[in-house]
Amino acid sequence: MKTIVTGLSVAAPNGLGVEDYWSATLAGRGGIGRLTRFDPSRYAATLAGEVTGFDAAEHLPGRLLPQTDPMTRLSLASAAWALEDAGIEETGGGGVVTASTGGGFEFGQRELGNLWSKGPKHV
């Protein structure tokens, strides 16, 4: 079995895209900082590796924004960047599979809230 890497991309706390990420890594710049997405003062942990500077609306169709959470948006944009890095023209005939044991919580929680408060027809 052979593995062929055709394109690379990175969406990380210390860089969006391969060049930014690699430059930050070589310079020793990490991506850990105080949480900014919410006030963490009531929690013991106040630091995280947040991906900042990413505007999903610049990279994804508007119809996907309310249907996805930040992790999925980053994954889709990063997949598009990897295709671009590979020199593959995106024709709309491909797909992206995302899987995570720790991502997608915002969307999931919102849909569970709809299920519990409004019923299954609203999910």
PDB file of N, CA and C in Angstrom:
ATOM      1  N   MET A   1       0.844  -1.176   0.000  1.00  0.00           N
ATOM      2  CA  MET A   1       0.000   0.000   0.000  1.00  0.00           C
ATOM      3  C   MET A   1       0.890   1.240   0.000  1.00  0.00           C
ATOM      4  N   LYS A   2       0.544   2.213  -0.822  1.00  0.00           N
ATOM      5  CA  LYS A   2       1.304   3.449  -0.913  1.00  0.00           C
ATOM      6  C   LYS A   2       0.460   4.607  -0.413  1.00  0.00           C
ATOM      7  N   THR A   3       1.127   5.566   0.167  1.00  0.00           N
ATOM      8  CA  THR A   3       0.481   6.804   0.568  1.00  0.00           C
ATOM      9  C   THR A   3       1.037   7.921  -0.291  1.00  0.00           C
ATOM     10  N   ILE A   4       0.160   8.702  -0.859  1.00  0.00           N
ATOM     11  CA  ILE A   4       0.583   9.816  -1.700  1.00  0.00           C
ATOM     12  C   ILE A   4      -0.011  11.091  -1.120  1.00  0.00           C
ATOM     13  N   VAL A   5       0.856  12.003  -0.740  1.00  0.00           N
ATOM     14  CA  VAL A   5       0.410  13.294  -0.225  1.00  0.00           C
ATOM     15  C   VAL A   5       0.430  14.269  -1.389  1.00  0.00           C
ATOM     16  N   THR A   6      -0.719  14.804  -1.709  1.00  0.00           N
ATOM     17  CA  THR A   6      -0.817  15.683  -2.869  1.00  0.00           C
ATOM     18  C   THR A   6      -0.908  17.153  -2.494  1.00  0.00           C
ATOM     19  N   GLY A   7      -1.366  17.455  -1.316  1.00  0.00           N
ATOM     20  CA  GLY A   7      -1.499  18.840  -0.898  1.00  0.00           C
ATOM     21  C   GLY A   7      -1.556  18.927   0.611  1.00  0.00           C
ATOM     22  N   LEU A   8      -1.094  20.050   1.136  1.00  0.00           N
ATOM     23  CA  LEU A   8      -1.068  20.245   2.581  1.00  0.00           C
ATOM     24  C   LEU A   8      -1.819  21.508   2.956  1.00  0.00           C
ATOM     25  N   SER A   9      -2.311  21.516   4.177  1.00  0.00           N
ATOM     26  CA  SER A   9      -2.928  22.705   4.736  1.00  0.00           C
ATOM     27  C   SER A   9      -2.902  22.605   6.248  1.00  0.00           C
ATOM     28  N   VAL A  10      -2.965  23.758   6.887  1.00  0.00           N
ATOM     29  CA  VAL A  10      -2.951  23.810   8.346  1.00  0.00           C
ATOM     30  C   VAL A  10      -3.922  24.885   8.811  1.00  0.00           C
ATOM     31  N   ALA A  11      -4.692  24.558   9.830  1.00  0.00           N
ATOM     32  CA  ALA A  11      -5.505  25.538  10.547  1.00  0.00           C
ATOM     33  C   ALA A  11      -5.191  25.315  12.020  1.00  0.00           C
ATOM     34  N   ALA A  12      -4.271  26.104  12.541  1.00  0.00           N
ATOM     35  CA  ALA A  12      -3.762  25.894  13.895  1.00  0.00           C
ATOM     36  C   ALA A  12      -3.736  27.214  14.662  1.00  0.00           C
ATOM     37  N   PRO A  13      -3.645  27.141  15.984  1.00  0.00           N
ATOM     38  CA  PRO A  13      -3.603  28.371  16.778  1.00  0.00           C
ATOM     39  C   PRO A  13      -2.421  29.288  16.452  1.00  0.00           C
ATOM     40  N   ASN A  14      -1.345  28.742  15.917  1.00  0.00           N
ATOM     41  CA  ASN A  14      -0.205  29.597  15.586  1.00  0.00           C
ATOM     42  C   ASN A  14      -0.034  29.797  14.079  1.00  0.00           C
ATOM     43  N   GLY A  15      -1.090  29.588  13.319  1.00  0.00           N
ATOM     44  CA  GLY A  15      -0.999  29.899  11.901  1.00  0.00           C
ATOM     45  C   GLY A  15      -2.096  29.290  11.063  1.00  0.00           C
ATOM     46  N   LEU A  16      -2.614  30.107  10.154  1.00  0.00           N
ATOM     47  CA  LEU A  16      -3.590  29.643   9.166  1.00  0.00           C
ATOM     48  C   LEU A  16      -2.861  29.490   7.847  1.00  0.00           C
ATOM     49  N   GLY A  17      -2.820  28.280   7.341  1.00  0.00           N
ATOM     50  CA  GLY A  17      -2.076  27.998   6.125  1.00  0.00           C
ATOM     51  C   GLY A  17      -0.684  27.496   6.455  1.00  0.00           C
ATOM     52  N   VAL A  18      -0.125  26.740   5.540  1.00  0.00           N
ATOM     53  CA  VAL A  18       1.169  26.095   5.764  1.00  0.00           C
ATOM     54  C   VAL A  18       2.272  27.116   6.027  1.00  0.00           C
ATOM     55  N   GLU A  19       2.344  28.171   5.221  1.00  0.00           N
ATOM     56  CA  GLU A  19       3.433  29.145   5.368  1.00  0.00           C
ATOM     57  C   GLU A  19       3.393  29.847   6.715  1.00  0.00           C
ATOM     58  N   ASP A  20       2.224  30.358   7.111  1.00  0.00           N
ATOM     59  CA  ASP A  20       2.115  31.047   8.404  1.00  0.00           C
ATOM     60  C   ASP A  20       2.422  30.110   9.563  1.00  0.00           C
ATOM     61  N   TYR A  21       1.877  28.919   9.493  1.00  0.00           N
ATOM     62  CA  TYR A  21       2.098  27.938  10.561  1.00  0.00           C
ATOM     63  C   TYR A  21       3.579  27.574  10.670  1.00  0.00           C
ATOM     64  N   TRP A  22       4.205  27.279   9.539  1.00  0.00           N
ATOM     65  CA  TRP A  22       5.601  26.839   9.572  1.00  0.00           C
ATOM     66  C   TRP A  22       6.514  27.975  10.036  1.00  0.00           C
ATOM     67  N   SER A  23       6.252  29.197   9.589  1.00  0.00           N
ATOM     68  CA  SER A  23       7.036  30.349  10.041  1.00  0.00           C
ATOM     69  C   SER A  23       6.921  30.533  11.547  1.00  0.00           C
ATOM     70  N   ALA A  24       5.706  30.428  12.066  1.00  0.00           N
ATOM     71  CA  ALA A  24       5.495  30.566  13.511  1.00  0.00           C
ATOM     72  C   ALA A  24       6.189  29.449  14.271  1.00  0.00           C
ATOM     73  N   THR A  25       6.118  28.239  13.753  1.00  0.00           N
ATOM     74  CA  THR A  25       6.752  27.095  14.406  1.00  0.00           C
ATOM     75  C   THR A  25       8.266  27.269  14.449  1.00  0.00           C
ATOM     76  N   LEU A  26       8.860  27.644  13.321  1.00  0.00           N
ATOM     77  CA  LEU A  26      10.313  27.846  13.277  1.00  0.00           C
ATOM     78  C   LEU A  26      10.759  28.981  14.193  1.00  0.00           C
ATOM     79  N   ALA A  27       9.903  29.991  14.352  1.00  0.00           N
ATOM     80  CA  ALA A  27      10.226  31.128  15.216  1.00  0.00           C
ATOM     81  C   ALA A  27       9.916  30.841  16.683  1.00  0.00           C
ATOM     82  N   GLY A  28       9.354  29.671  16.966  1.00  0.00           N
ATOM     83  CA  GLY A  28       9.028  29.318  18.346  1.00  0.00           C
ATOM     84  C   GLY A  28       7.779  29.994  18.881  1.00  0.00           C
ATOM     85  N   ARG A  29       6.933  30.487  17.987  1.00  0.00           N
ATOM     86  CA  ARG A  29       5.688  31.132  18.424  1.00  0.00           C
ATOM     87  C   ARG A  29       4.596  30.079  18.587  1.00  0.00           C
ATOM     88  N   GLY A  30       4.115  29.949  19.789  1.00  0.00           N
ATOM     89  CA  GLY A  30       3.020  29.026  20.056  1.00  0.00           C
ATOM     90  C   GLY A  30       1.689  29.716  19.835  1.00  0.00           C
ATOM     91  N   GLY A  31       0.631  28.996  20.073  1.00  0.00           N
ATOM     92  CA  GLY A  31      -0.690  29.567  19.882  1.00  0.00           C
ATOM     93  C   GLY A  31      -1.547  29.522  21.130  1.00  0.00           C
ATOM     94  N   ILE A  32      -0.929  29.289  22.272  1.00  0.00           N
ATOM     95  CA  ILE A  32      -1.692  29.197  23.518  1.00  0.00           C
ATOM     96  C   ILE A  32      -1.823  30.583  24.127  1.00  0.00           C
ATOM     97  N   GLY A  33      -3.038  30.924  24.527  1.00  0.00           N
ATOM     98  CA  GLY A  33      -3.289  32.220  25.153  1.00  0.00           C
ATOM     99  C   GLY A  33      -4.578  32.180  25.952  1.00  0.00           C
ATOM    100  N   ARG A  34      -4.896  33.299  26.568  1.00  0.00           N
ATOM    101  CA  ARG A  34      -6.126  33.395  27.351  1.00  0.00           C
ATOM    102  C   ARG A  34      -7.327  33.225  26.422  1.00  0.00           C
ATOM    103  N   LEU A  35      -8.307  32.466  26.864  1.00  0.00           N
ATOM    104  CA  LEU A  35      -9.532  32.252  26.091  1.00  0.00           C
ATOM    105  C   LEU A  35     -10.197  33.581  25.765  1.00  0.00           C
ATOM    106  N   THR A  36     -10.663  33.703  24.536  1.00  0.00           N
ATOM    107  CA  THR A  36     -11.331  34.932  24.116  1.00  0.00           C
ATOM    108  C   THR A  36     -12.763  34.700  23.648  1.00  0.00           C
ATOM    109  N   ARG A  37     -13.136  33.467  23.381  1.00  0.00           N
ATOM    110  CA  ARG A  37     -14.483  33.191  22.861  1.00  0.00           C
ATOM    111  C   ARG A  37     -15.558  33.302  23.930  1.00  0.00           C
ATOM    112  N   PHE A  38     -15.141  33.202  25.192  1.00  0.00           N
ATOM    113  CA  PHE A  38     -16.053  33.387  26.317  1.00  0.00           C
ATOM    114  C   PHE A  38     -15.220  33.759  27.531  1.00  0.00           C
ATOM    115  N   ASP A  39     -15.869  34.218  28.586  1.00  0.00           N
ATOM    116  CA  ASP A  39     -15.171  34.593  29.815  1.00  0.00           C
ATOM    117  C   ASP A  39     -14.846  33.330  30.609  1.00  0.00           C
ATOM    118  N   PRO A  40     -13.568  32.976  30.716  1.00  0.00           N
ATOM    119  CA  PRO A  40     -13.202  31.738  31.398  1.00  0.00           C
ATOM    120  C   PRO A  40     -12.958  31.908  32.898  1.00  0.00           C
ATOM    121  N   SER A  41     -13.254  33.079  33.461  1.00  0.00           N
ATOM    122  CA  SER A  41     -12.860  33.366  34.844  1.00  0.00           C
ATOM    123  C   SER A  41     -13.469  32.412  35.868  1.00  0.00           C
ATOM    124  N   ARG A  42     -14.577  31.794  35.579  1.00  0.00           N
ATOM    125  CA  ARG A  42     -15.173  30.878  36.560  1.00  0.00           C
ATOM    126  C   ARG A  42     -14.622  29.452  36.449  1.00  0.00           C
ATOM    127  N   TYR A  43     -13.705  29.245  35.534  1.00  0.00           N
ATOM    128  CA  TYR A  43     -13.103  27.926  35.336  1.00  0.00           C
ATOM    129  C   TYR A  43     -11.651  27.927  35.805  1.00  0.00           C
ATOM    130  N   ALA A  44     -11.164  26.753  36.158  1.00  0.00           N
ATOM    131  CA  ALA A  44      -9.767  26.631  36.579  1.00  0.00           C
ATOM    132  C   ALA A  44      -8.820  26.875  35.405  1.00  0.00           C
ATOM    133  N   ALA A  45      -9.197  26.427  34.231  1.00  0.00           N
ATOM    134  CA  ALA A  45      -8.366  26.613  33.038  1.00  0.00           C
ATOM    135  C   ALA A  45      -8.835  27.850  32.283  1.00  0.00           C
ATOM    136  N   THR A  46      -7.918  28.745  32.019  1.00  0.00           N
ATOM    137  CA  THR A  46      -8.267  29.967  31.290  1.00  0.00           C
ATOM    138  C   THR A  46      -7.472  30.111  29.996  1.00  0.00           C
ATOM    139  N   LEU A  47      -6.658  29.116  29.689  1.00  0.00           N
ATOM    140  CA  LEU A  47      -5.830  29.149  28.487  1.00  0.00           C
ATOM    141  C   LEU A  47      -6.302  28.108  27.481  1.00  0.00           C
ATOM    142  N   ALA A  48      -6.087  28.409  26.214  1.00  0.00           N
ATOM    143  CA  ALA A  48      -6.456  27.460  25.160  1.00  0.00           C
ATOM    144  C   ALA A  48      -5.680  27.795  23.895  1.00  0.00           C
ATOM    145  N   GLY A  49      -5.701  26.884  22.979  1.00  0.00           N
ATOM    146  CA  GLY A  49      -5.117  27.107  21.662  1.00  0.00           C
ATOM    147  C   GLY A  49      -6.226  27.442  20.680  1.00  0.00           C
ATOM    148  N   GLU A  50      -6.679  28.675  20.674  1.00  0.00           N
ATOM    149  CA  GLU A  50      -7.757  29.096  19.784  1.00  0.00           C
ATOM    150  C   GLU A  50      -7.199  29.499  18.418  1.00  0.00           C
ATOM    151  N   VAL A  51      -7.926  29.169  17.381  1.00  0.00           N
ATOM    152  CA  VAL A  51      -7.562  29.613  16.036  1.00  0.00           C
ATOM    153  C   VAL A  51      -8.218  30.974  15.830  1.00  0.00           C
ATOM    154  N   THR A  52      -7.404  31.988  15.633  1.00  0.00           N
ATOM    155  CA  THR A  52      -7.925  33.349  15.466  1.00  0.00           C
ATOM    156  C   THR A  52      -7.623  33.842  14.053  1.00  0.00           C
ATOM    157  N   GLY A  53      -8.299  34.898  13.665  1.00  0.00           N
ATOM    158  CA  GLY A  53      -8.046  35.501  12.367  1.00  0.00           C
ATOM    159  C   GLY A  53      -8.709  34.786  11.202  1.00  0.00           C
ATOM    160  N   PHE A  54      -9.616  33.881  11.490  1.00  0.00           N
ATOM    161  CA  PHE A  54     -10.303  33.133  10.436  1.00  0.00           C
ATOM    162  C   PHE A  54     -11.728  33.645  10.314  1.00  0.00           C
ATOM    163  N   ASP A  55     -12.089  34.106   9.132  1.00  0.00           N
ATOM    164  CA  ASP A  55     -13.454  34.546   8.854  1.00  0.00           C
ATOM    165  C   ASP A  55     -14.072  33.552   7.876  1.00  0.00           C
ATOM    166  N   ALA A  56     -14.917  32.691   8.393  1.00  0.00           N
ATOM    167  CA  ALA A  56     -15.502  31.624   7.579  1.00  0.00           C
ATOM    168  C   ALA A  56     -16.265  32.170   6.378  1.00  0.00           C
ATOM    169  N   ALA A  57     -16.862  33.340   6.521  1.00  0.00           N
ATOM    170  CA  ALA A  57     -17.638  33.922   5.425  1.00  0.00           C
ATOM    171  C   ALA A  57     -16.772  34.236   4.206  1.00  0.00           C
ATOM    172  N   GLU A  58     -15.467  34.376   4.406  1.00  0.00           N
ATOM    173  CA  GLU A  58     -14.561  34.630   3.284  1.00  0.00           C
ATOM    174  C   GLU A  58     -14.220  33.353   2.519  1.00  0.00           C
ATOM    175  N   HIS A  59     -14.516  32.187   3.110  1.00  0.00           N
ATOM    176  CA  HIS A  59     -14.063  30.926   2.534  1.00  0.00           C
ATOM    177  C   HIS A  59     -15.175  29.936   2.195  1.00  0.00           C
ATOM    178  N   LEU A  60     -16.356  30.140   2.747  1.00  0.00           N
ATOM    179  CA  LEU A  60     -17.433  29.159   2.583  1.00  0.00           C
ATOM    180  C   LEU A  60     -18.707  29.823   2.084  1.00  0.00           C
ATOM    181  N   PRO A  61     -19.548  29.065   1.391  1.00  0.00           N
ATOM    182  CA  PRO A  61     -20.846  29.610   0.976  1.00  0.00           C
ATOM    183  C   PRO A  61     -21.683  30.006   2.193  1.00  0.00           C
ATOM    184  N   GLY A  62     -22.400  31.097   2.071  1.00  0.00           N
ATOM    185  CA  GLY A  62     -23.206  31.603   3.174  1.00  0.00           C
ATOM    186  C   GLY A  62     -24.201  30.602   3.725  1.00  0.00           C
ATOM    187  N   ARG A  63     -24.719  29.715   2.886  1.00  0.00           N
ATOM    188  CA  ARG A  63     -25.713  28.743   3.352  1.00  0.00           C
ATOM    189  C   ARG A  63     -25.122  27.756   4.353  1.00  0.00           C
ATOM    190  N   LEU A  64     -23.789  27.547   4.306  1.00  0.00           N
ATOM    191  CA  LEU A  64     -23.161  26.600   5.230  1.00  0.00           C
ATOM    192  C   LEU A  64     -22.928  27.185   6.618  1.00  0.00           C
ATOM    193  N   LEU A  65     -22.849  28.495   6.717  1.00  0.00           N
ATOM    194  CA  LEU A  65     -22.483  29.105   7.993  1.00  0.00           C
ATOM    195  C   LEU A  65     -23.447  28.771   9.130  1.00  0.00           C
ATOM    196  N   PRO A  66     -24.766  28.886   8.947  1.00  0.00           N
ATOM    197  CA  PRO A  66     -25.651  28.539  10.065  1.00  0.00           C
ATOM    198  C   PRO A  66     -25.769  27.034  10.306  1.00  0.00           C
ATOM    199  N   GLN A  67     -25.309  26.230   9.355  1.00  0.00           N
ATOM    200  CA  GLN A  67     -25.441  24.773   9.471  1.00  0.00           C
ATOM    201  C   GLN A  67     -24.214  24.116  10.082  1.00  0.00           C
ATOM    202  N   THR A  68     -23.159  24.875  10.301  1.00  0.00           N
ATOM    203  CA  THR A  68     -21.902  24.290  10.754  1.00  0.00           C
ATOM    204  C   THR A  68     -21.355  25.049  11.951  1.00  0.00           C
ATOM    205  N   ASP A  69     -20.446  24.398  12.663  1.00  0.00           N
ATOM    206  CA  ASP A  69     -19.797  25.056  13.789  1.00  0.00           C
ATOM    207  C   ASP A  69     -18.368  25.420  13.398  1.00  0.00           C
ATOM    208  N   PRO A  70     -17.659  26.146  14.245  1.00  0.00           N
ATOM    209  CA  PRO A  70     -16.314  26.607  13.886  1.00  0.00           C
ATOM    210  C   PRO A  70     -15.344  25.497  13.484  1.00  0.00           C
ATOM    211  N   MET A  71     -15.376  24.356  14.150  1.00  0.00           N
ATOM    212  CA  MET A  71     -14.458  23.267  13.810  1.00  0.00           C
ATOM    213  C   MET A  71     -14.713  22.772  12.387  1.00  0.00           C
ATOM    214  N   THR A  72     -15.964  22.615  12.025  1.00  0.00           N
ATOM    215  CA  THR A  72     -16.311  22.148  10.686  1.00  0.00           C
ATOM    216  C   THR A  72     -15.936  23.190   9.638  1.00  0.00           C
ATOM    217  N   ARG A  73     -16.170  24.455   9.942  1.00  0.00           N
ATOM    218  CA  ARG A  73     -15.810  25.521   9.002  1.00  0.00           C
ATOM    219  C   ARG A  73     -14.306  25.532   8.738  1.00  0.00           C
ATOM    220  N   LEU A  74     -13.524  25.406   9.797  1.00  0.00           N
ATOM    221  CA  LEU A  74     -12.067  25.348   9.633  1.00  0.00           C
ATOM    222  C   LEU A  74     -11.659  24.135   8.813  1.00  0.00           C
ATOM    223  N   SER A  75     -12.300  23.000   9.057  1.00  0.00           N
ATOM    224  CA  SER A  75     -11.973  21.774   8.322  1.00  0.00           C
ATOM    225  C   SER A  75     -12.268  21.917   6.834  1.00  0.00           C
ATOM    226  N   LEU A  76     -13.411  22.485   6.510  1.00  0.00           N
ATOM    227  CA  LEU A  76     -13.783  22.656   5.104  1.00  0.00           C
ATOM    228  C   LEU A  76     -12.843  23.628   4.391  1.00  0.00           C
ATOM    229  N   ALA A  77     -12.540  24.739   5.044  1.00  0.00           N
ATOM    230  CA  ALA A  77     -11.624  25.706   4.438  1.00  0.00           C
ATOM    231  C   ALA A  77     -10.235  25.106   4.284  1.00  0.00           C
ATOM    232  N   SER A  78      -9.785  24.389   5.294  1.00  0.00           N
ATOM    233  CA  SER A  78      -8.462  23.772   5.235  1.00  0.00           C
ATOM    234  C   SER A  78      -8.386  22.725   4.122  1.00  0.00           C
ATOM    235  N   ALA A  79      -9.452  21.981   3.921  1.00  0.00           N
ATOM    236  CA  ALA A  79      -9.483  21.007   2.822  1.00  0.00           C
ATOM    237  C   ALA A  79      -9.376  21.721   1.476  1.00  0.00           C
ATOM    238  N   ALA A  80     -10.049  22.848   1.342  1.00  0.00           N
ATOM    239  CA  ALA A  80      -9.961  23.626   0.099  1.00  0.00           C
ATOM    240  C   ALA A  80      -8.538  24.141  -0.110  1.00  0.00           C
ATOM    241  N   TRP A  81      -7.886  24.581   0.968  1.00  0.00           N
ATOM    242  CA  TRP A  81      -6.501  25.053   0.863  1.00  0.00           C
ATOM    243  C   TRP A  81      -5.575  23.910   0.445  1.00  0.00           C
ATOM    244  N   ALA A  82      -5.819  22.705   0.967  1.00  0.00           N
ATOM    245  CA  ALA A  82      -4.991  21.544   0.604  1.00  0.00           C
ATOM    246  C   ALA A  82      -5.175  21.194  -0.869  1.00  0.00           C
ATOM    247  N   LEU A  83      -6.396  21.277  -1.363  1.00  0.00           N
ATOM    248  CA  LEU A  83      -6.631  21.038  -2.793  1.00  0.00           C
ATOM    249  C   LEU A  83      -5.900  22.078  -3.638  1.00  0.00           C
ATOM    250  N   GLU A  84      -5.970  23.322  -3.200  1.00  0.00           N
ATOM    251  CA  GLU A  84      -5.267  24.392  -3.908  1.00  0.00           C
ATOM    252  C   GLU A  84      -3.757  24.143  -3.892  1.00  0.00           C
ATOM    253  N   ASP A  85      -3.232  23.729  -2.745  1.00  0.00           N
ATOM    254  CA  ASP A  85      -1.805  23.427  -2.622  1.00  0.00           C
ATOM    255  C   ASP A  85      -1.398  22.293  -3.561  1.00  0.00           C
ATOM    256  N   ALA A  86      -2.304  21.364  -3.778  1.00  0.00           N
ATOM    257  CA  ALA A  86      -2.030  20.222  -4.661  1.00  0.00           C
ATOM    258  C   ALA A  86      -2.177  20.578  -6.134  1.00  0.00           C
ATOM    259  N   GLY A  87      -2.718  21.767  -6.402  1.00  0.00           N
ATOM    260  CA  GLY A  87      -2.936  22.150  -7.788  1.00  0.00           C
ATOM    261  C   GLY A  87      -4.165  21.502  -8.392  1.00  0.00           C
ATOM    262  N   ILE A  88      -5.066  21.065  -7.533  1.00  0.00           N
ATOM    263  CA  ILE A  88      -6.291  20.412  -7.995  1.00  0.00           C
ATOM    264  C   ILE A  88      -7.391  21.454  -8.094  1.00  0.00           C
ATOM    265  N   GLU A  89      -7.992  21.550  -9.258  1.00  0.00           N
ATOM    266  CA  GLU A  89      -9.083  22.495  -9.455  1.00  0.00           C
ATOM    267  C   GLU A  89     -10.356  21.923  -8.852  1.00  0.00           C
ATOM    268  N   GLU A  90     -10.967  22.683  -7.960  1.00  0.00           N
ATOM    269  CA  GLU A  90     -12.195  22.246  -7.303  1.00  0.00           C
ATOM    270  C   GLU A  90     -13.348  22.456  -8.274  1.00  0.00           C
ATOM    271  N   THR A  91     -14.032  21.366  -8.613  1.00  0.00           N
ATOM    272  CA  THR A  91     -15.116  21.435  -9.595  1.00  0.00           C
ATOM    273  C   THR A  91     -16.491  21.214  -8.983  1.00  0.00           C
ATOM    274  N   GLY A  92     -16.544  21.024  -7.682  1.00  0.00           N
ATOM    275  CA  GLY A  92     -17.823  20.779  -7.035  1.00  0.00           C
ATOM    276  C   GLY A  92     -18.208  19.320  -6.998  1.00  0.00           C
ATOM    277  N   GLY A  93     -17.367  18.451  -7.512  1.00  0.00           N
ATOM    278  CA  GLY A  93     -17.686  17.031  -7.533  1.00  0.00           C
ATOM    279  C   GLY A  93     -17.046  16.246  -6.411  1.00  0.00           C
ATOM    280  N   GLY A  94     -16.371  16.920  -5.511  1.00  0.00           N
ATOM    281  CA  GLY A  94     -15.686  16.225  -4.423  1.00  0.00           C
ATOM    282  C   GLY A  94     -16.425  16.374  -3.115  1.00  0.00           C
ATOM    283  N   GLY A  95     -15.871  15.792  -2.112  1.00  0.00           N
ATOM    284  CA  GLY A  95     -16.459  15.886  -0.788  1.00  0.00           C
ATOM    285  C   GLY A  95     -15.381  15.917   0.267  1.00  0.00           C
ATOM    286  N   VAL A  96     -15.760  16.326   1.444  1.00  0.00           N
ATOM    287  CA  VAL A  96     -14.846  16.363   2.580  1.00  0.00           C
ATOM    288  C   VAL A  96     -15.493  15.595   3.714  1.00  0.00           C
ATOM    289  N   VAL A  97     -14.753  14.675   4.269  1.00  0.00           N
ATOM    290  CA  VAL A  97     -15.227  13.938   5.435  1.00  0.00           C
ATOM    291  C   VAL A  97     -14.496  14.494   6.644  1.00  0.00           C
ATOM    292  N   THR A  98     -15.240  14.957   7.622  1.00  0.00           N
ATOM    293  CA  THR A  98     -14.626  15.425   8.860  1.00  0.00           C
ATOM    294  C   THR A  98     -15.092  14.527   9.987  1.00  0.00           C
ATOM    295  N   ALA A  99     -14.171  14.223  10.860  1.00  0.00           N
ATOM    296  CA  ALA A  99     -14.499  13.392  12.017  1.00  0.00           C
ATOM    297  C   ALA A  99     -13.671  13.865  13.196  1.00  0.00           C
ATOM    298  N   SER A 100     -14.273  13.881  14.344  1.00  0.00           N
ATOM    299  CA  SER A 100     -13.569  14.337  15.527  1.00  0.00           C
ATOM    300  C   SER A 100     -14.228  13.752  16.767  1.00  0.00           C
ATOM    301  N   THR A 101     -13.413  13.430  17.735  1.00  0.00           N
ATOM    302  CA  THR A 101     -13.981  12.992  19.011  1.00  0.00           C
ATOM    303  C   THR A 101     -14.172  14.177  19.941  1.00  0.00           C
ATOM    304  N   GLY A 102     -13.695  15.340  19.545  1.00  0.00           N
ATOM    305  CA  GLY A 102     -13.792  16.481  20.443  1.00  0.00           C
ATOM    306  C   GLY A 102     -14.198  17.765  19.762  1.00  0.00           C
ATOM    307  N   GLY A 103     -14.761  17.701  18.576  1.00  0.00           N
ATOM    308  CA  GLY A 103     -15.131  18.921  17.882  1.00  0.00           C
ATOM    309  C   GLY A 103     -16.595  18.933  17.506  1.00  0.00           C
ATOM    310  N   GLY A 104     -17.051  20.057  17.051  1.00  0.00           N
ATOM    311  CA  GLY A 104     -18.421  20.186  16.600  1.00  0.00           C
ATOM    312  C   GLY A 104     -19.442  20.359  17.706  1.00  0.00           C
ATOM    313  N   PHE A 105     -18.987  20.731  18.893  1.00  0.00           N
ATOM    314  CA  PHE A 105     -19.902  20.808  20.027  1.00  0.00           C
ATOM    315  C   PHE A 105     -20.914  21.940  19.923  1.00  0.00           C
ATOM    316  N   GLU A 106     -20.507  23.078  19.389  1.00  0.00           N
ATOM    317  CA  GLU A 106     -21.431  24.210  19.331  1.00  0.00           C
ATOM    318  C   GLU A 106     -22.665  23.876  18.507  1.00  0.00           C
ATOM    319  N   PHE A 107     -22.462  23.308  17.343  1.00  0.00           N
ATOM    320  CA  PHE A 107     -23.589  22.928  16.492  1.00  0.00           C
ATOM    321  C   PHE A 107     -24.431  21.861  17.184  1.00  0.00           C
ATOM    322  N   GLY A 108     -23.773  20.848  17.739  1.00  0.00           N
ATOM    323  CA  GLY A 108     -24.484  19.764  18.415  1.00  0.00           C
ATOM    324  C   GLY A 108     -25.320  20.253  19.580  1.00  0.00           C
ATOM    325  N   GLN A 109     -24.759  21.141  20.388  1.00  0.00           N
ATOM    326  CA  GLN A 109     -25.496  21.661  21.532  1.00  0.00           C
ATOM    327  C   GLN A 109     -26.692  22.497  21.098  1.00  0.00           C
ATOM    328  N   ARG A 110     -26.511  23.286  20.041  1.00  0.00           N
ATOM    329  CA  ARG A 110     -27.626  24.094  19.538  1.00  0.00           C
ATOM    330  C   ARG A 110     -28.760  23.198  19.052  1.00  0.00           C
ATOM    331  N   GLU A 111     -28.413  22.124  18.328  1.00  0.00           N
ATOM    332  CA  GLU A 111     -29.437  21.222  17.817  1.00  0.00           C
ATOM    333  C   GLU A 111     -30.109  20.436  18.939  1.00  0.00           C
ATOM    334  N   LEU A 112     -29.348  20.045  19.952  1.00  0.00           N
ATOM    335  CA  LEU A 112     -29.964  19.382  21.107  1.00  0.00           C
ATOM    336  C   LEU A 112     -30.926  20.323  21.819  1.00  0.00           C
ATOM    337  N   GLY A 113     -30.552  21.583  21.933  1.00  0.00           N
ATOM    338  CA  GLY A 113     -31.449  22.574  22.528  1.00  0.00           C
ATOM    339  C   GLY A 113     -32.739  22.702  21.737  1.00  0.00           C
ATOM    340  N   ASN A 114     -32.638  22.708  20.411  1.00  0.00           N
ATOM    341  CA  ASN A 114     -33.835  22.753  19.564  1.00  0.00           C
ATOM    342  C   ASN A 114     -34.692  21.510  19.760  1.00  0.00           C
ATOM    343  N   LEU A 115     -34.050  20.354  19.833  1.00  0.00           N
ATOM    344  CA  LEU A 115     -34.780  19.103  20.040  1.00  0.00           C
ATOM    345  C   LEU A 115     -35.552  19.141  21.352  1.00  0.00           C
ATOM    346  N   TRP A 116     -34.887  19.536  22.420  1.00  0.00           N
ATOM    347  CA  TRP A 116     -35.517  19.525  23.744  1.00  0.00           C
ATOM    348  C   TRP A 116     -36.595  20.595  23.892  1.00  0.00           C
ATOM    349  N   SER A 117     -36.367  21.770  23.292  1.00  0.00           N
ATOM    350  CA  SER A 117     -37.319  22.855  23.501  1.00  0.00           C
ATOM    351  C   SER A 117     -38.423  22.925  22.450  1.00  0.00           C
ATOM    352  N   LYS A 118     -38.131  22.483  21.215  1.00  0.00           N
ATOM    353  CA  LYS A 118     -39.102  22.632  20.134  1.00  0.00           C
ATOM    354  C   LYS A 118     -39.577  21.321  19.538  1.00  0.00           C
ATOM    355  N   GLY A 119     -38.820  20.247  19.760  1.00  0.00           N
ATOM    356  CA  GLY A 119     -39.211  18.954  19.218  1.00  0.00           C
ATOM    357  C   GLY A 119     -38.384  18.547  18.011  1.00  0.00           C
ATOM    358  N   PRO A 120     -38.527  17.286  17.577  1.00  0.00           N
ATOM    359  CA  PRO A 120     -37.677  16.726  16.519  1.00  0.00           C
ATOM    360  C   PRO A 120     -37.846  17.371  15.146  1.00  0.00           C
ATOM    361  N   LYS A 121     -38.965  18.004  14.882  1.00  0.00           N
ATOM    362  CA  LYS A 121     -39.157  18.634  13.575  1.00  0.00           C
ATOM    363  C   LYS A 121     -38.270  19.866  13.392  1.00  0.00           C
ATOM    364  N   HIS A 122     -37.691  20.352  14.479  1.00  0.00           N
ATOM    365  CA  HIS A 122     -36.862  21.559  14.425  1.00  0.00           C
ATOM    366  C   HIS A 122     -35.374  21.251  14.434  1.00  0.00           C
ATOM    367  N   VAL A 123     -35.037  19.976  14.290  1.00  0.00           N
ATOM    368  CA  VAL A 123     -33.620  19.592  14.264  1.00  0.00           C
ATOM    369  C   VAL A 123     -33.223  19.280  12.839  1.00  0.00           C
TER     370      VAL A 123
END
